Amino acid sequence: MSYNYKDLGLENTKAMFAKANKNGYAVPAFNFNNMEQIQAIVEACAEMGSPVILQCSKGAMEYMGITYVAMMAKAAVDYVKMMGSDIPIALHLDHGPSFEVAKLCIDNGFSSVMIDGSSLPFEENIEEAKKVVEYAHKFDITVEAELGVLAGIEDDVKAEDHIYTNPDQVEEFVAKTGVDSLAIAIGTSHGAHKFKPGDDPKLRLDILKECEVRVPGFPIVLHGSSAVPAKYVQMIKEFGGTIKDAIGIPDSELRKATKSSVAKINVDTDGRLAFTAGVRKAMHENPGQFDLRKYLGPAKEEMKSYYKTKIVNVFGSEGSYTKSK
């Protein structure tokens, strides 16, 4: 059985990004892997009046099953309406590795897809993105692609070296592919271990500025933008977990980017850390507990609370739509 995203009440990213660029904020793009995470995301965004892009990687989609993903997205839309909020919700494929995976998502309720050909030679990246665009646009589905390579590991995405986006290629890439948004590499990276304690993480805002000059008003996307909060790293350790000390991208650096043409910022690791810390804390405090609701529920609330602060401190998207009553 296949689904059309409009039948699920979802929206693509065109209007979201246009409004975000006009008003100087970015749309939160939060990854999810289960029901509790999607609940945390949509409740946080509805209560803050922020649009949201629900992101699902190939690995997460395989874990949950594509039908479950589509139906959970529909449930999220219906729940937000019941809350009295009018925030738009998109369902997006994160780091689609091939045309075949992108097509599968397009045919099964996703309203937006990313085709990640960033590891390919420039011309091959163009051809792969163009192929996805030609298919997706038949169904009014938006397409994101990437130029440059982010180092790090997150889900199925792995890269040893960081390659900054070359602004000289941006205009040609956008023109030849017809993509609706473009992810660029300006110093963010995937995973929890982006920088070591003592480092001073800075984004290459000069590259971002040059890209804006080449494609004025075009929606830019930042991947690998988790802050890796010390609070959750410490909680995980305190309650029996093992994780190396690390720091992510400071909120202040990301907020600078959202005031330009960055229309979408991806956050995955922070949600994983908050959720894991919540689970570990709940199980530590009641080690005899085997009712899943008793530890997944607190984890959901921890993630939701953190994302509400992130919406204000990083995205600046609070109040851009009607808050839940």
C-alpha atoms as a PDB file:
ATOM      1  CA  MET A   1       0.000   0.000   0.000  1.00  0.00           C
ATOM      2  CA  SER A   2       1.316   3.459  -0.910  1.00  0.00           C
ATOM      3  CA  TYR A   3       0.488   6.894   0.486  1.00  0.00           C
ATOM      4  CA  ASN A   4       0.488  10.461  -0.790  1.00  0.00           C
ATOM      5  CA  TYR A   5       1.795  12.966   1.728  1.00  0.00           C
ATOM      6  CA  LYS A   6      -1.154  15.311   1.192  1.00  0.00           C
ATOM      7  CA  ASP A   7      -3.556  12.552   2.222  1.00  0.00           C
ATOM      8  CA  LEU A   8      -1.613  12.292   5.486  1.00  0.00           C
ATOM      9  CA  GLY A   9      -1.988  16.013   6.178  1.00  0.00           C
ATOM     10  CA  LEU A  10       1.722  16.685   5.713  1.00  0.00           C
ATOM     11  CA  GLU A  11       3.318  19.631   3.909  1.00  0.00           C
ATOM     12  CA  ASN A  12       6.415  19.963   1.792  1.00  0.00           C
ATOM     13  CA  THR A  13       9.087  22.478   2.771  1.00  0.00           C
ATOM     14  CA  LYS A  14       8.548  25.265   0.207  1.00  0.00           C
ATOM     15  CA  ALA A  15       6.276  27.557   2.233  1.00  0.00           C
ATOM     16  CA  MET A  16       8.081  26.685   5.474  1.00  0.00           C
ATOM     17  CA  PHE A  17      11.441  27.787   4.094  1.00  0.00           C
ATOM     18  CA  ALA A  18      10.099  30.910   2.406  1.00  0.00           C
ATOM     19  CA  LYS A  19       8.602  32.108   5.696  1.00  0.00           C
ATOM     20  CA  ALA A  20      11.719  31.169   7.651  1.00  0.00           C
ATOM     21  CA  ASN A  21      14.041  33.080   5.304  1.00  0.00           C
ATOM     22  CA  LYS A  22      11.749  36.098   5.327  1.00  0.00           C
ATOM     23  CA  ASN A  23      11.551  36.248   9.111  1.00  0.00           C
ATOM     24  CA  GLY A  24      15.100  35.277  10.078  1.00  0.00           C
ATOM     25  CA  TYR A  25      14.683  31.900  11.708  1.00  0.00           C
ATOM     26  CA  ALA A  26      15.322  28.261  10.788  1.00  0.00           C
ATOM     27  CA  VAL A  27      12.931  25.315  10.729  1.00  0.00           C
ATOM     28  CA  PRO A  28      13.820  22.564  13.223  1.00  0.00           C
ATOM     29  CA  ALA A  29      14.544  19.229  11.548  1.00  0.00           C
ATOM     30  CA  PHE A  30      14.505  16.582  14.271  1.00  0.00           C
ATOM     31  CA  ASN A  31      15.232  12.889  13.669  1.00  0.00           C
ATOM     32  CA  PHE A  32      13.088  10.203  15.262  1.00  0.00           C
ATOM     33  CA  ASN A  33      13.404   6.454  15.743  1.00  0.00           C
ATOM     34  CA  ASN A  34      10.302   5.498  17.731  1.00  0.00           C
ATOM     35  CA  MET A  35       6.880   6.693  18.882  1.00  0.00           C
ATOM     36  CA  GLU A  36       8.081   8.448  22.017  1.00  0.00           C
ATOM     37  CA  GLN A  37      10.589  10.524  20.090  1.00  0.00           C
ATOM     38  CA  ILE A  38       8.014  11.663  17.535  1.00  0.00           C
ATOM     39  CA  GLN A  39       5.670  12.560  20.403  1.00  0.00           C
ATOM     40  CA  ALA A  40       8.381  14.614  22.093  1.00  0.00           C
ATOM     41  CA  ILE A  41       9.165  16.456  18.860  1.00  0.00           C
ATOM     42  CA  VAL A  42       5.651  17.399  17.787  1.00  0.00           C
ATOM     43  CA  GLU A  43       4.478  18.286  21.290  1.00  0.00           C
ATOM     44  CA  ALA A  44       7.485  20.566  21.828  1.00  0.00           C
ATOM     45  CA  CYS A  45       6.984  22.288  18.480  1.00  0.00           C
ATOM     46  CA  ALA A  46       3.202  22.651  18.846  1.00  0.00           C
ATOM     47  CA  GLU A  47       3.543  24.108  22.332  1.00  0.00           C
ATOM     48  CA  MET A  48       6.147  26.576  21.046  1.00  0.00           C
ATOM     49  CA  GLY A  49       4.319  27.441  17.817  1.00  0.00           C
ATOM     50  CA  SER A  50       7.216  26.254  15.659  1.00  0.00           C
ATOM     51  CA  PRO A  51       7.063  24.442  12.310  1.00  0.00           C
ATOM     52  CA  VAL A  52       8.830  21.107  12.237  1.00  0.00           C
ATOM     53  CA  ILE A  53      10.401  18.632   9.854  1.00  0.00           C
ATOM     54  CA  LEU A  54      10.217  15.049  11.075  1.00  0.00           C
ATOM     55  CA  GLN A  55      13.347  13.360   9.787  1.00  0.00           C
ATOM     56  CA  CYS A  56      13.835   9.667   9.183  1.00  0.00           C
ATOM     57  CA  SER A  57      17.069   8.093   7.992  1.00  0.00           C
ATOM     58  CA  LYS A  58      17.203   4.916   5.917  1.00  0.00           C
ATOM     59  CA  GLY A  59      18.324   3.024   9.018  1.00  0.00           C
ATOM     60  CA  ALA A  60      15.489   4.400  11.134  1.00  0.00           C
ATOM     61  CA  MET A  61      12.989   3.635   8.376  1.00  0.00           C
ATOM     62  CA  GLU A  62      14.188   0.036   8.192  1.00  0.00           C
ATOM     63  CA  TYR A  63      14.008  -0.256  11.972  1.00  0.00           C
ATOM     64  CA  MET A  64      10.431   1.056  12.249  1.00  0.00           C
ATOM     65  CA  GLY A  65       9.046  -0.024   8.876  1.00  0.00           C
ATOM     66  CA  ILE A  66       7.984   2.519   6.289  1.00  0.00           C
ATOM     67  CA  THR A  67       4.247   1.996   6.917  1.00  0.00           C
ATOM     68  CA  TYR A  68       4.692   2.675  10.626  1.00  0.00           C
ATOM     69  CA  VAL A  69       6.667   5.817   9.771  1.00  0.00           C
ATOM     70  CA  ALA A  70       3.912   7.144   7.515  1.00  0.00           C
ATOM     71  CA  MET A  71       1.141   6.346   9.987  1.00  0.00           C
ATOM     72  CA  MET A  72       3.020   7.892  12.914  1.00  0.00           C
ATOM     73  CA  ALA A  73       3.492  11.051  10.862  1.00  0.00           C
ATOM     74  CA  LYS A  74      -0.242  11.154  10.152  1.00  0.00           C
ATOM     75  CA  ALA A  75      -0.966  10.610  13.846  1.00  0.00           C
ATOM     76  CA  ALA A  76       1.375  13.509  14.644  1.00  0.00           C
ATOM     77  CA  VAL A  77      -0.530  15.797  12.274  1.00  0.00           C
ATOM     78  CA  ASP A  78      -3.880  14.782  13.761  1.00  0.00           C
ATOM     79  CA  TYR A  79      -2.618  15.173  17.327  1.00  0.00           C
ATOM     80  CA  VAL A  80      -1.260  18.664  16.699  1.00  0.00           C
ATOM     81  CA  LYS A  81      -4.626  19.732  15.274  1.00  0.00           C
ATOM     82  CA  MET A  82      -6.318  18.302  18.352  1.00  0.00           C
ATOM     83  CA  MET A  83      -3.962  20.421  20.455  1.00  0.00           C
ATOM     84  CA  GLY A  84      -5.305  23.507  18.677  1.00  0.00           C
ATOM     85  CA  SER A  85      -2.107  24.291  16.796  1.00  0.00           C
ATOM     86  CA  ASP A  86      -1.638  25.041  13.096  1.00  0.00           C
ATOM     87  CA  ILE A  87       2.082  24.297  12.808  1.00  0.00           C
ATOM     88  CA  PRO A  88       3.042  22.692   9.476  1.00  0.00           C
ATOM     89  CA  ILE A  89       4.687  19.264   9.606  1.00  0.00           C
ATOM     90  CA  ALA A  90       6.869  17.717   6.912  1.00  0.00           C
ATOM     91  CA  LEU A  91       8.145  14.133   6.754  1.00  0.00           C
ATOM     92  CA  HIS A  92      11.652  14.080   5.311  1.00  0.00           C
ATOM     93  CA  LEU A  93      14.106  11.373   4.260  1.00  0.00           C
ATOM     94  CA  ASP A  94      17.458  12.244   5.810  1.00  0.00           C
ATOM     95  CA  HIS A  95      20.595  11.302   3.838  1.00  0.00           C
ATOM     96  CA  GLY A  96      18.908   9.216   1.180  1.00  0.00           C
ATOM     97  CA  PRO A  97      21.717   7.091  -0.269  1.00  0.00           C
ATOM     98  CA  SER A  98      20.139   6.386  -3.674  1.00  0.00           C
ATOM     99  CA  PHE A  99      17.363   7.170  -6.107  1.00  0.00           C
ATOM    100  CA  GLU A 100      15.683   3.876  -5.189  1.00  0.00           C
ATOM    101  CA  VAL A 101      15.444   4.771  -1.486  1.00  0.00           C
ATOM    102  CA  ALA A 102      14.207   8.279  -2.308  1.00  0.00           C
ATOM    103  CA  LYS A 103      11.561   6.851  -4.640  1.00  0.00           C
ATOM    104  CA  LEU A 104      10.400   4.400  -1.972  1.00  0.00           C
ATOM    105  CA  CYS A 105       9.847   7.299   0.422  1.00  0.00           C
ATOM    106  CA  ILE A 106       8.141   9.456  -2.205  1.00  0.00           C
ATOM    107  CA  ASP A 107       5.749   6.607  -2.931  1.00  0.00           C
ATOM    108  CA  ASN A 108       4.999   6.057   0.753  1.00  0.00           C
ATOM    109  CA  GLY A 109       3.952   9.373   2.228  1.00  0.00           C
ATOM    110  CA  PHE A 110       7.150  11.408   2.612  1.00  0.00           C
ATOM    111  CA  SER A 111       6.691  15.069   1.656  1.00  0.00           C
ATOM    112  CA  SER A 112      10.395  15.809   1.249  1.00  0.00           C
ATOM    113  CA  VAL A 113      13.516  13.775   0.503  1.00  0.00           C
ATOM    114  CA  MET A 114      17.251  14.260   0.592  1.00  0.00           C
ATOM    115  CA  ILE A 115      19.514  12.635  -1.940  1.00  0.00           C
ATOM    116  CA  ASP A 116      23.051  12.569  -0.573  1.00  0.00           C
ATOM    117  CA  GLY A 117      25.546  12.357  -3.394  1.00  0.00           C
ATOM    118  CA  SER A 118      28.102  14.488  -1.565  1.00  0.00           C
ATOM    119  CA  SER A 119      30.734  11.735  -1.703  1.00  0.00           C
ATOM    120  CA  LEU A 120      30.427  11.492  -5.500  1.00  0.00           C
ATOM    121  CA  PRO A 121      32.345  13.560  -8.047  1.00  0.00           C
ATOM    122  CA  PHE A 122      30.624  16.893  -8.735  1.00  0.00           C
ATOM    123  CA  GLU A 123      29.048  15.915 -12.059  1.00  0.00           C
ATOM    124  CA  GLU A 124      27.786  12.583 -10.709  1.00  0.00           C
ATOM    125  CA  ASN A 125      26.294  14.361  -7.704  1.00  0.00           C
ATOM    126  CA  ILE A 126      24.423  16.629 -10.130  1.00  0.00           C
ATOM    127  CA  GLU A 127      23.078  13.722 -12.170  1.00  0.00           C
ATOM    128  CA  GLU A 128      21.914  11.768  -9.121  1.00  0.00           C
ATOM    129  CA  ALA A 129      20.168  14.807  -7.628  1.00  0.00           C
ATOM    130  CA  LYS A 130      18.577  15.719 -10.960  1.00  0.00           C
ATOM    131  CA  LYS A 131      17.142  12.215 -11.307  1.00  0.00           C
ATOM    132  CA  VAL A 132      15.481  12.432  -7.881  1.00  0.00           C
ATOM    133  CA  VAL A 133      14.186  15.943  -8.559  1.00  0.00           C
ATOM    134  CA  GLU A 134      12.554  14.901 -11.835  1.00  0.00           C
ATOM    135  CA  TYR A 135      10.638  12.140 -10.075  1.00  0.00           C
ATOM    136  CA  ALA A 136       9.826  13.988  -6.843  1.00  0.00           C
ATOM    137  CA  HIS A 137       8.535  17.145  -8.483  1.00  0.00           C
ATOM    138  CA  LYS A 138       5.883  15.140 -10.328  1.00  0.00           C
ATOM    139  CA  PHE A 139       4.254  14.740  -6.903  1.00  0.00           C
ATOM    140  CA  ASP A 140       5.054  18.224  -5.542  1.00  0.00           C
ATOM    141  CA  ILE A 141       7.649  16.753  -3.186  1.00  0.00           C
ATOM    142  CA  THR A 142      10.654  18.877  -2.258  1.00  0.00           C
ATOM    143  CA  VAL A 143      14.251  17.709  -2.662  1.00  0.00           C
ATOM    144  CA  GLU A 144      17.400  18.511  -0.700  1.00  0.00           C
ATOM    145  CA  ALA A 145      20.930  17.697  -1.840  1.00  0.00           C
ATOM    146  CA  GLU A 146      24.398  18.272  -0.400  1.00  0.00           C
ATOM    147  CA  LEU A 147      27.667  19.835  -1.500  1.00  0.00           C
ATOM    148  CA  GLY A 148      30.717  19.254   0.664  1.00  0.00           C
ATOM    149  CA  VAL A 149      31.330  16.419   3.111  1.00  0.00           C
ATOM    150  CA  LEU A 150      30.748  16.400   6.878  1.00  0.00           C
ATOM    151  CA  ALA A 151      33.116  14.249   8.895  1.00  0.00           C
ATOM    152  CA  GLY A 152      31.857  11.960  11.641  1.00  0.00           C
ATOM    153  CA  ILE A 153      29.480   9.046  12.120  1.00  0.00           C
ATOM    154  CA  GLU A 154      25.728   9.123  12.554  1.00  0.00           C
ATOM    155  CA  ASP A 155      23.461   6.218  11.592  1.00  0.00           C
ATOM    156  CA  ASP A 156      24.520   5.111   8.084  1.00  0.00           C
ATOM    157  CA  VAL A 157      26.514   8.296   7.385  1.00  0.00           C
ATOM    158  CA  LYS A 158      30.279   7.915   7.806  1.00  0.00           C
ATOM    159  CA  ALA A 159      33.163  10.100   6.638  1.00  0.00           C
ATOM    160  CA  GLU A 160      36.746  10.389   7.844  1.00  0.00           C
ATOM    161  CA  ASP A 161      37.544  13.800   6.420  1.00  0.00           C
ATOM    162  CA  HIS A 162      35.736  17.112   6.345  1.00  0.00           C
ATOM    163  CA  ILE A 163      35.490  18.885   2.981  1.00  0.00           C
ATOM    164  CA  TYR A 164      34.112  22.416   3.028  1.00  0.00           C
ATOM    165  CA  THR A 165      31.575  23.394   0.400  1.00  0.00           C
ATOM    166  CA  ASN A 166      33.088  25.255  -2.543  1.00  0.00           C
ATOM    167  CA  PRO A 167      30.898  28.349  -3.129  1.00  0.00           C
ATOM    168  CA  ASP A 168      32.043  28.417  -6.760  1.00  0.00           C
ATOM    169  CA  GLN A 169      30.039  25.220  -7.391  1.00  0.00           C
ATOM    170  CA  VAL A 170      26.804  26.192  -5.637  1.00  0.00           C
ATOM    171  CA  GLU A 171      25.123  28.225  -8.369  1.00  0.00           C
ATOM    172  CA  GLU A 172      25.827  25.642 -11.074  1.00  0.00           C
ATOM    173  CA  PHE A 173      24.650  22.790  -8.861  1.00  0.00           C
ATOM    174  CA  VAL A 174      21.351  24.452  -7.970  1.00  0.00           C
ATOM    175  CA  ALA A 175      20.675  25.502 -11.567  1.00  0.00           C
ATOM    176  CA  LYS A 176      21.424  22.104 -13.103  1.00  0.00           C
ATOM    177  CA  THR A 177      19.651  19.950 -10.530  1.00  0.00           C
ATOM    178  CA  GLY A 178      16.547  21.979  -9.700  1.00  0.00           C
ATOM    179  CA  VAL A 179      16.796  21.047  -6.002  1.00  0.00           C
ATOM    180  CA  ASP A 180      14.677  22.993  -3.508  1.00  0.00           C
ATOM    181  CA  SER A 181      17.318  23.308  -0.770  1.00  0.00           C
ATOM    182  CA  LEU A 182      21.024  22.671  -0.379  1.00  0.00           C
ATOM    183  CA  ALA A 183      23.003  21.311   2.574  1.00  0.00           C
ATOM    184  CA  ILE A 184      26.460  22.838   2.843  1.00  0.00           C
ATOM    185  CA  ALA A 185      29.539  21.981   4.927  1.00  0.00           C
ATOM    186  CA  ILE A 186      30.802  24.918   6.994  1.00  0.00           C
ATOM    187  CA  GLY A 187      32.242  23.202  10.076  1.00  0.00           C
ATOM    188  CA  THR A 188      29.446  21.100  11.506  1.00  0.00           C
ATOM    189  CA  SER A 189      29.901  17.332  11.740  1.00  0.00           C
ATOM    190  CA  HIS A 190      27.922  14.179  12.421  1.00  0.00           C
ATOM    191  CA  GLY A 191      27.727  12.311  15.709  1.00  0.00           C
ATOM    192  CA  ALA A 192      28.440  13.115  19.342  1.00  0.00           C
ATOM    193  CA  HIS A 193      32.216  13.476  19.062  1.00  0.00           C
ATOM    194  CA  LYS A 194      32.504  16.610  16.950  1.00  0.00           C
ATOM    195  CA  PHE A 195      35.151  18.429  19.007  1.00  0.00           C
ATOM    196  CA  LYS A 196      37.282  17.687  22.062  1.00  0.00           C
ATOM    197  CA  PRO A 197      36.906  19.584  25.339  1.00  0.00           C
ATOM    198  CA  GLY A 198      39.062  22.686  25.133  1.00  0.00           C
ATOM    199  CA  ASP A 199      38.411  23.205  21.420  1.00  0.00           C
ATOM    200  CA  ASP A 200      36.757  26.419  20.280  1.00  0.00           C
ATOM    201  CA  PRO A 201      34.216  25.321  17.648  1.00  0.00           C
ATOM    202  CA  LYS A 202      33.545  27.940  15.000  1.00  0.00           C
ATOM    203  CA  LEU A 203      31.481  27.768  11.853  1.00  0.00           C
ATOM    204  CA  ARG A 204      32.846  29.013   8.535  1.00  0.00           C
ATOM    205  CA  LEU A 205      30.276  31.763   8.260  1.00  0.00           C
ATOM    206  CA  ASP A 206      32.375  33.274   5.475  1.00  0.00           C
ATOM    207  CA  ILE A 207      31.549  30.264   3.298  1.00  0.00           C
ATOM    208  CA  LEU A 208      27.882  30.589   4.193  1.00  0.00           C
ATOM    209  CA  LYS A 209      27.944  34.276   3.269  1.00  0.00           C
ATOM    210  CA  GLU A 210      29.582  33.535  -0.085  1.00  0.00           C
ATOM    211  CA  CYS A 211      26.995  30.841  -0.833  1.00  0.00           C
ATOM    212  CA  GLU A 212      24.255  33.367  -0.105  1.00  0.00           C
ATOM    213  CA  VAL A 213      25.802  35.729  -2.644  1.00  0.00           C
ATOM    214  CA  ARG A 214      25.862  32.991  -5.295  1.00  0.00           C
ATOM    215  CA  VAL A 215      22.235  31.880  -4.732  1.00  0.00           C
ATOM    216  CA  PRO A 216      20.453  34.765  -2.973  1.00  0.00           C
ATOM    217  CA  GLY A 217      17.318  33.786  -1.102  1.00  0.00           C
ATOM    218  CA  PHE A 218      17.853  30.076  -1.714  1.00  0.00           C
ATOM    219  CA  PRO A 219      17.194  27.817   1.325  1.00  0.00           C
ATOM    220  CA  ILE A 220      20.429  26.564   2.883  1.00  0.00           C
ATOM    221  CA  VAL A 221      20.561  23.559   5.236  1.00  0.00           C
ATOM    222  CA  LEU A 222      23.017  22.700   8.013  1.00  0.00           C
ATOM    223  CA  HIS A 223      23.557  19.064   9.009  1.00  0.00           C
ATOM    224  CA  GLY A 224      25.443  17.736  12.045  1.00  0.00           C
ATOM    225  CA  SER A 225      24.335  20.615  14.240  1.00  0.00           C
ATOM    226  CA  SER A 226      23.831  19.038  17.655  1.00  0.00           C
ATOM    227  CA  ALA A 227      25.304  20.833  20.661  1.00  0.00           C
ATOM    228  CA  VAL A 228      26.141  17.614  22.580  1.00  0.00           C
ATOM    229  CA  PRO A 229      24.979  19.083  25.916  1.00  0.00           C
ATOM    230  CA  ALA A 230      27.386  18.393  28.781  1.00  0.00           C
ATOM    231  CA  LYS A 231      24.331  17.873  31.001  1.00  0.00           C
ATOM    232  CA  TYR A 232      23.339  14.721  29.128  1.00  0.00           C
ATOM    233  CA  VAL A 233      26.858  13.405  28.708  1.00  0.00           C
ATOM    234  CA  GLN A 234      27.231  13.608  32.494  1.00  0.00           C
ATOM    235  CA  MET A 235      23.800  12.084  33.174  1.00  0.00           C
ATOM    236  CA  ILE A 236      24.598   9.108  30.958  1.00  0.00           C
ATOM    237  CA  LYS A 237      27.862   8.550  32.837  1.00  0.00           C
ATOM    238  CA  GLU A 238      26.268   9.081  36.243  1.00  0.00           C
ATOM    239  CA  PHE A 239      23.608   6.488  35.605  1.00  0.00           C
ATOM    240  CA  GLY A 240      25.814   3.699  34.294  1.00  0.00           C
ATOM    241  CA  GLY A 241      26.556   4.628  30.678  1.00  0.00           C
ATOM    242  CA  THR A 242      29.856   5.048  28.875  1.00  0.00           C
ATOM    243  CA  ILE A 243      30.493   7.971  26.573  1.00  0.00           C
ATOM    244  CA  LYS A 244      33.598   9.979  25.759  1.00  0.00           C
ATOM    245  CA  ASP A 245      33.717  13.636  26.697  1.00  0.00           C
ATOM    246  CA  ALA A 246      32.877  15.739  23.686  1.00  0.00           C
ATOM    247  CA  ILE A 247      31.373  19.055  22.696  1.00  0.00           C
ATOM    248  CA  GLY A 248      29.225  19.996  19.736  1.00  0.00           C
ATOM    249  CA  ILE A 249      28.253  23.158  17.892  1.00  0.00           C
ATOM    250  CA  PRO A 250      27.537  26.068  20.283  1.00  0.00           C
ATOM    251  CA  ASP A 251      23.993  27.406  20.123  1.00  0.00           C
ATOM    252  CA  SER A 252      25.376  30.910  19.609  1.00  0.00           C
ATOM    253  CA  GLU A 253      27.180  29.885  16.404  1.00  0.00           C
ATOM    254  CA  LEU A 254      24.056  28.256  14.995  1.00  0.00           C
ATOM    255  CA  ARG A 255      21.874  31.239  15.873  1.00  0.00           C
ATOM    256  CA  LYS A 256      24.134  33.450  13.763  1.00  0.00           C
ATOM    257  CA  ALA A 257      23.504  31.150  10.815  1.00  0.00           C
ATOM    258  CA  THR A 258      19.711  31.128  11.222  1.00  0.00           C
ATOM    259  CA  LYS A 259      19.580  34.887  10.792  1.00  0.00           C
ATOM    260  CA  SER A 260      20.878  34.499   7.254  1.00  0.00           C
ATOM    261  CA  SER A 261      19.575  32.152   4.545  1.00  0.00           C
ATOM    262  CA  VAL A 262      19.860  28.980   6.638  1.00  0.00           C
ATOM    263  CA  ALA A 263      16.271  27.759   6.548  1.00  0.00           C
ATOM    264  CA  LYS A 264      16.729  24.312   8.116  1.00  0.00           C
ATOM    265  CA  ILE A 265      19.020  22.878  10.782  1.00  0.00           C
ATOM    266  CA  ASN A 266      19.267  19.140  11.460  1.00  0.00           C
ATOM    267  CA  VAL A 267      19.493  17.814  15.003  1.00  0.00           C
ATOM    268  CA  ASP A 268      19.712  14.096  15.779  1.00  0.00           C
ATOM    269  CA  THR A 269      22.465  13.375  18.312  1.00  0.00           C
ATOM    270  CA  ASP A 270      21.066  15.782  20.936  1.00  0.00           C
ATOM    271  CA  GLY A 271      17.742  13.963  20.872  1.00  0.00           C
ATOM    272  CA  ARG A 272      19.456  10.605  21.271  1.00  0.00           C
ATOM    273  CA  LEU A 273      21.501  11.881  24.210  1.00  0.00           C
ATOM    274  CA  ALA A 274      18.529  13.454  25.980  1.00  0.00           C
ATOM    275  CA  PHE A 275      16.381  10.360  25.465  1.00  0.00           C
ATOM    276  CA  THR A 276      19.128   7.953  26.588  1.00  0.00           C
ATOM    277  CA  ALA A 277      19.874  10.064  29.658  1.00  0.00           C
ATOM    278  CA  GLY A 278      16.181  10.015  30.549  1.00  0.00           C
ATOM    279  CA  VAL A 279      15.974   6.232  30.216  1.00  0.00           C
ATOM    280  CA  ARG A 280      19.119   5.642  32.268  1.00  0.00           C
ATOM    281  CA  LYS A 281      18.008   8.003  35.031  1.00  0.00           C
ATOM    282  CA  ALA A 282      14.568   6.407  35.313  1.00  0.00           C
ATOM    283  CA  MET A 283      15.973   2.874  35.401  1.00  0.00           C
ATOM    284  CA  HIS A 284      18.668   3.829  37.897  1.00  0.00           C
ATOM    285  CA  GLU A 285      16.100   5.344  40.241  1.00  0.00           C
ATOM    286  CA  ASN A 286      13.905   2.244  40.010  1.00  0.00           C
ATOM    287  CA  PRO A 287      16.085  -0.728  38.970  1.00  0.00           C
ATOM    288  CA  GLY A 288      13.240  -3.191  39.453  1.00  0.00           C
ATOM    289  CA  GLN A 289      11.037  -1.467  36.909  1.00  0.00           C
ATOM    290  CA  PHE A 290      10.071  -3.454  33.822  1.00  0.00           C
ATOM    291  CA  ASP A 291       7.056  -1.419  32.712  1.00  0.00           C
ATOM    292  CA  LEU A 292       8.374   0.247  29.552  1.00  0.00           C
ATOM    293  CA  ARG A 293       6.077   3.214  30.027  1.00  0.00           C
ATOM    294  CA  LYS A 294       7.799   4.058  33.285  1.00  0.00           C
ATOM    295  CA  TYR A 295      11.141   4.746  31.645  1.00  0.00           C
ATOM    296  CA  LEU A 296      10.223   5.643  28.050  1.00  0.00           C
ATOM    297  CA  GLY A 297       7.765   8.251  29.333  1.00  0.00           C
ATOM    298  CA  PRO A 298      10.373  10.192  31.355  1.00  0.00           C
ATOM    299  CA  ALA A 299      12.800   9.917  28.426  1.00  0.00           C
ATOM    300  CA  LYS A 300      10.201  11.460  26.129  1.00  0.00           C
ATOM    301  CA  GLU A 301       9.654  14.342  28.557  1.00  0.00           C
ATOM    302  CA  GLU A 302      13.411  14.960  28.864  1.00  0.00           C
ATOM    303  CA  MET A 303      13.777  15.155  25.087  1.00  0.00           C
ATOM    304  CA  LYS A 304      10.702  17.378  24.751  1.00  0.00           C
ATOM    305  CA  SER A 305      11.930  19.816  27.403  1.00  0.00           C
ATOM    306  CA  TYR A 306      15.344  20.103  25.787  1.00  0.00           C
ATOM    307  CA  TYR A 307      13.927  20.702  22.322  1.00  0.00           C
ATOM    308  CA  LYS A 308      11.695  23.489  23.605  1.00  0.00           C
ATOM    309  CA  THR A 309      14.785  25.373  24.761  1.00  0.00           C
ATOM    310  CA  LYS A 310      16.562  24.564  21.490  1.00  0.00           C
ATOM    311  CA  ILE A 311      13.704  26.081  19.489  1.00  0.00           C
ATOM    312  CA  VAL A 312      14.262  29.391  21.291  1.00  0.00           C
ATOM    313  CA  ASN A 313      18.049  29.413  21.626  1.00  0.00           C
ATOM    314  CA  VAL A 314      18.985  28.111  18.178  1.00  0.00           C
ATOM    315  CA  PHE A 315      16.140  28.148  15.682  1.00  0.00           C
ATOM    316  CA  GLY A 316      14.315  31.309  16.733  1.00  0.00           C
ATOM    317  CA  SER A 317      11.157  29.747  15.300  1.00  0.00           C
ATOM    318  CA  GLU A 318       8.952  30.026  18.374  1.00  0.00           C
ATOM    319  CA  GLY A 319       5.610  31.767  17.813  1.00  0.00           C
ATOM    320  CA  SER A 320       5.861  31.699  14.033  1.00  0.00           C
ATOM    321  CA  TYR A 321       2.622  29.700  13.951  1.00  0.00           C
ATOM    322  CA  THR A 322      -0.257  29.262  16.402  1.00  0.00           C
ATOM    323  CA  LYS A 323       0.779  27.690  19.692  1.00  0.00           C
ATOM    324  CA  SER A 324      -1.271  24.849  21.109  1.00  0.00           C
ATOM    325  CA  LYS A 325      -4.047  25.942  23.435  1.00  0.00           C
END
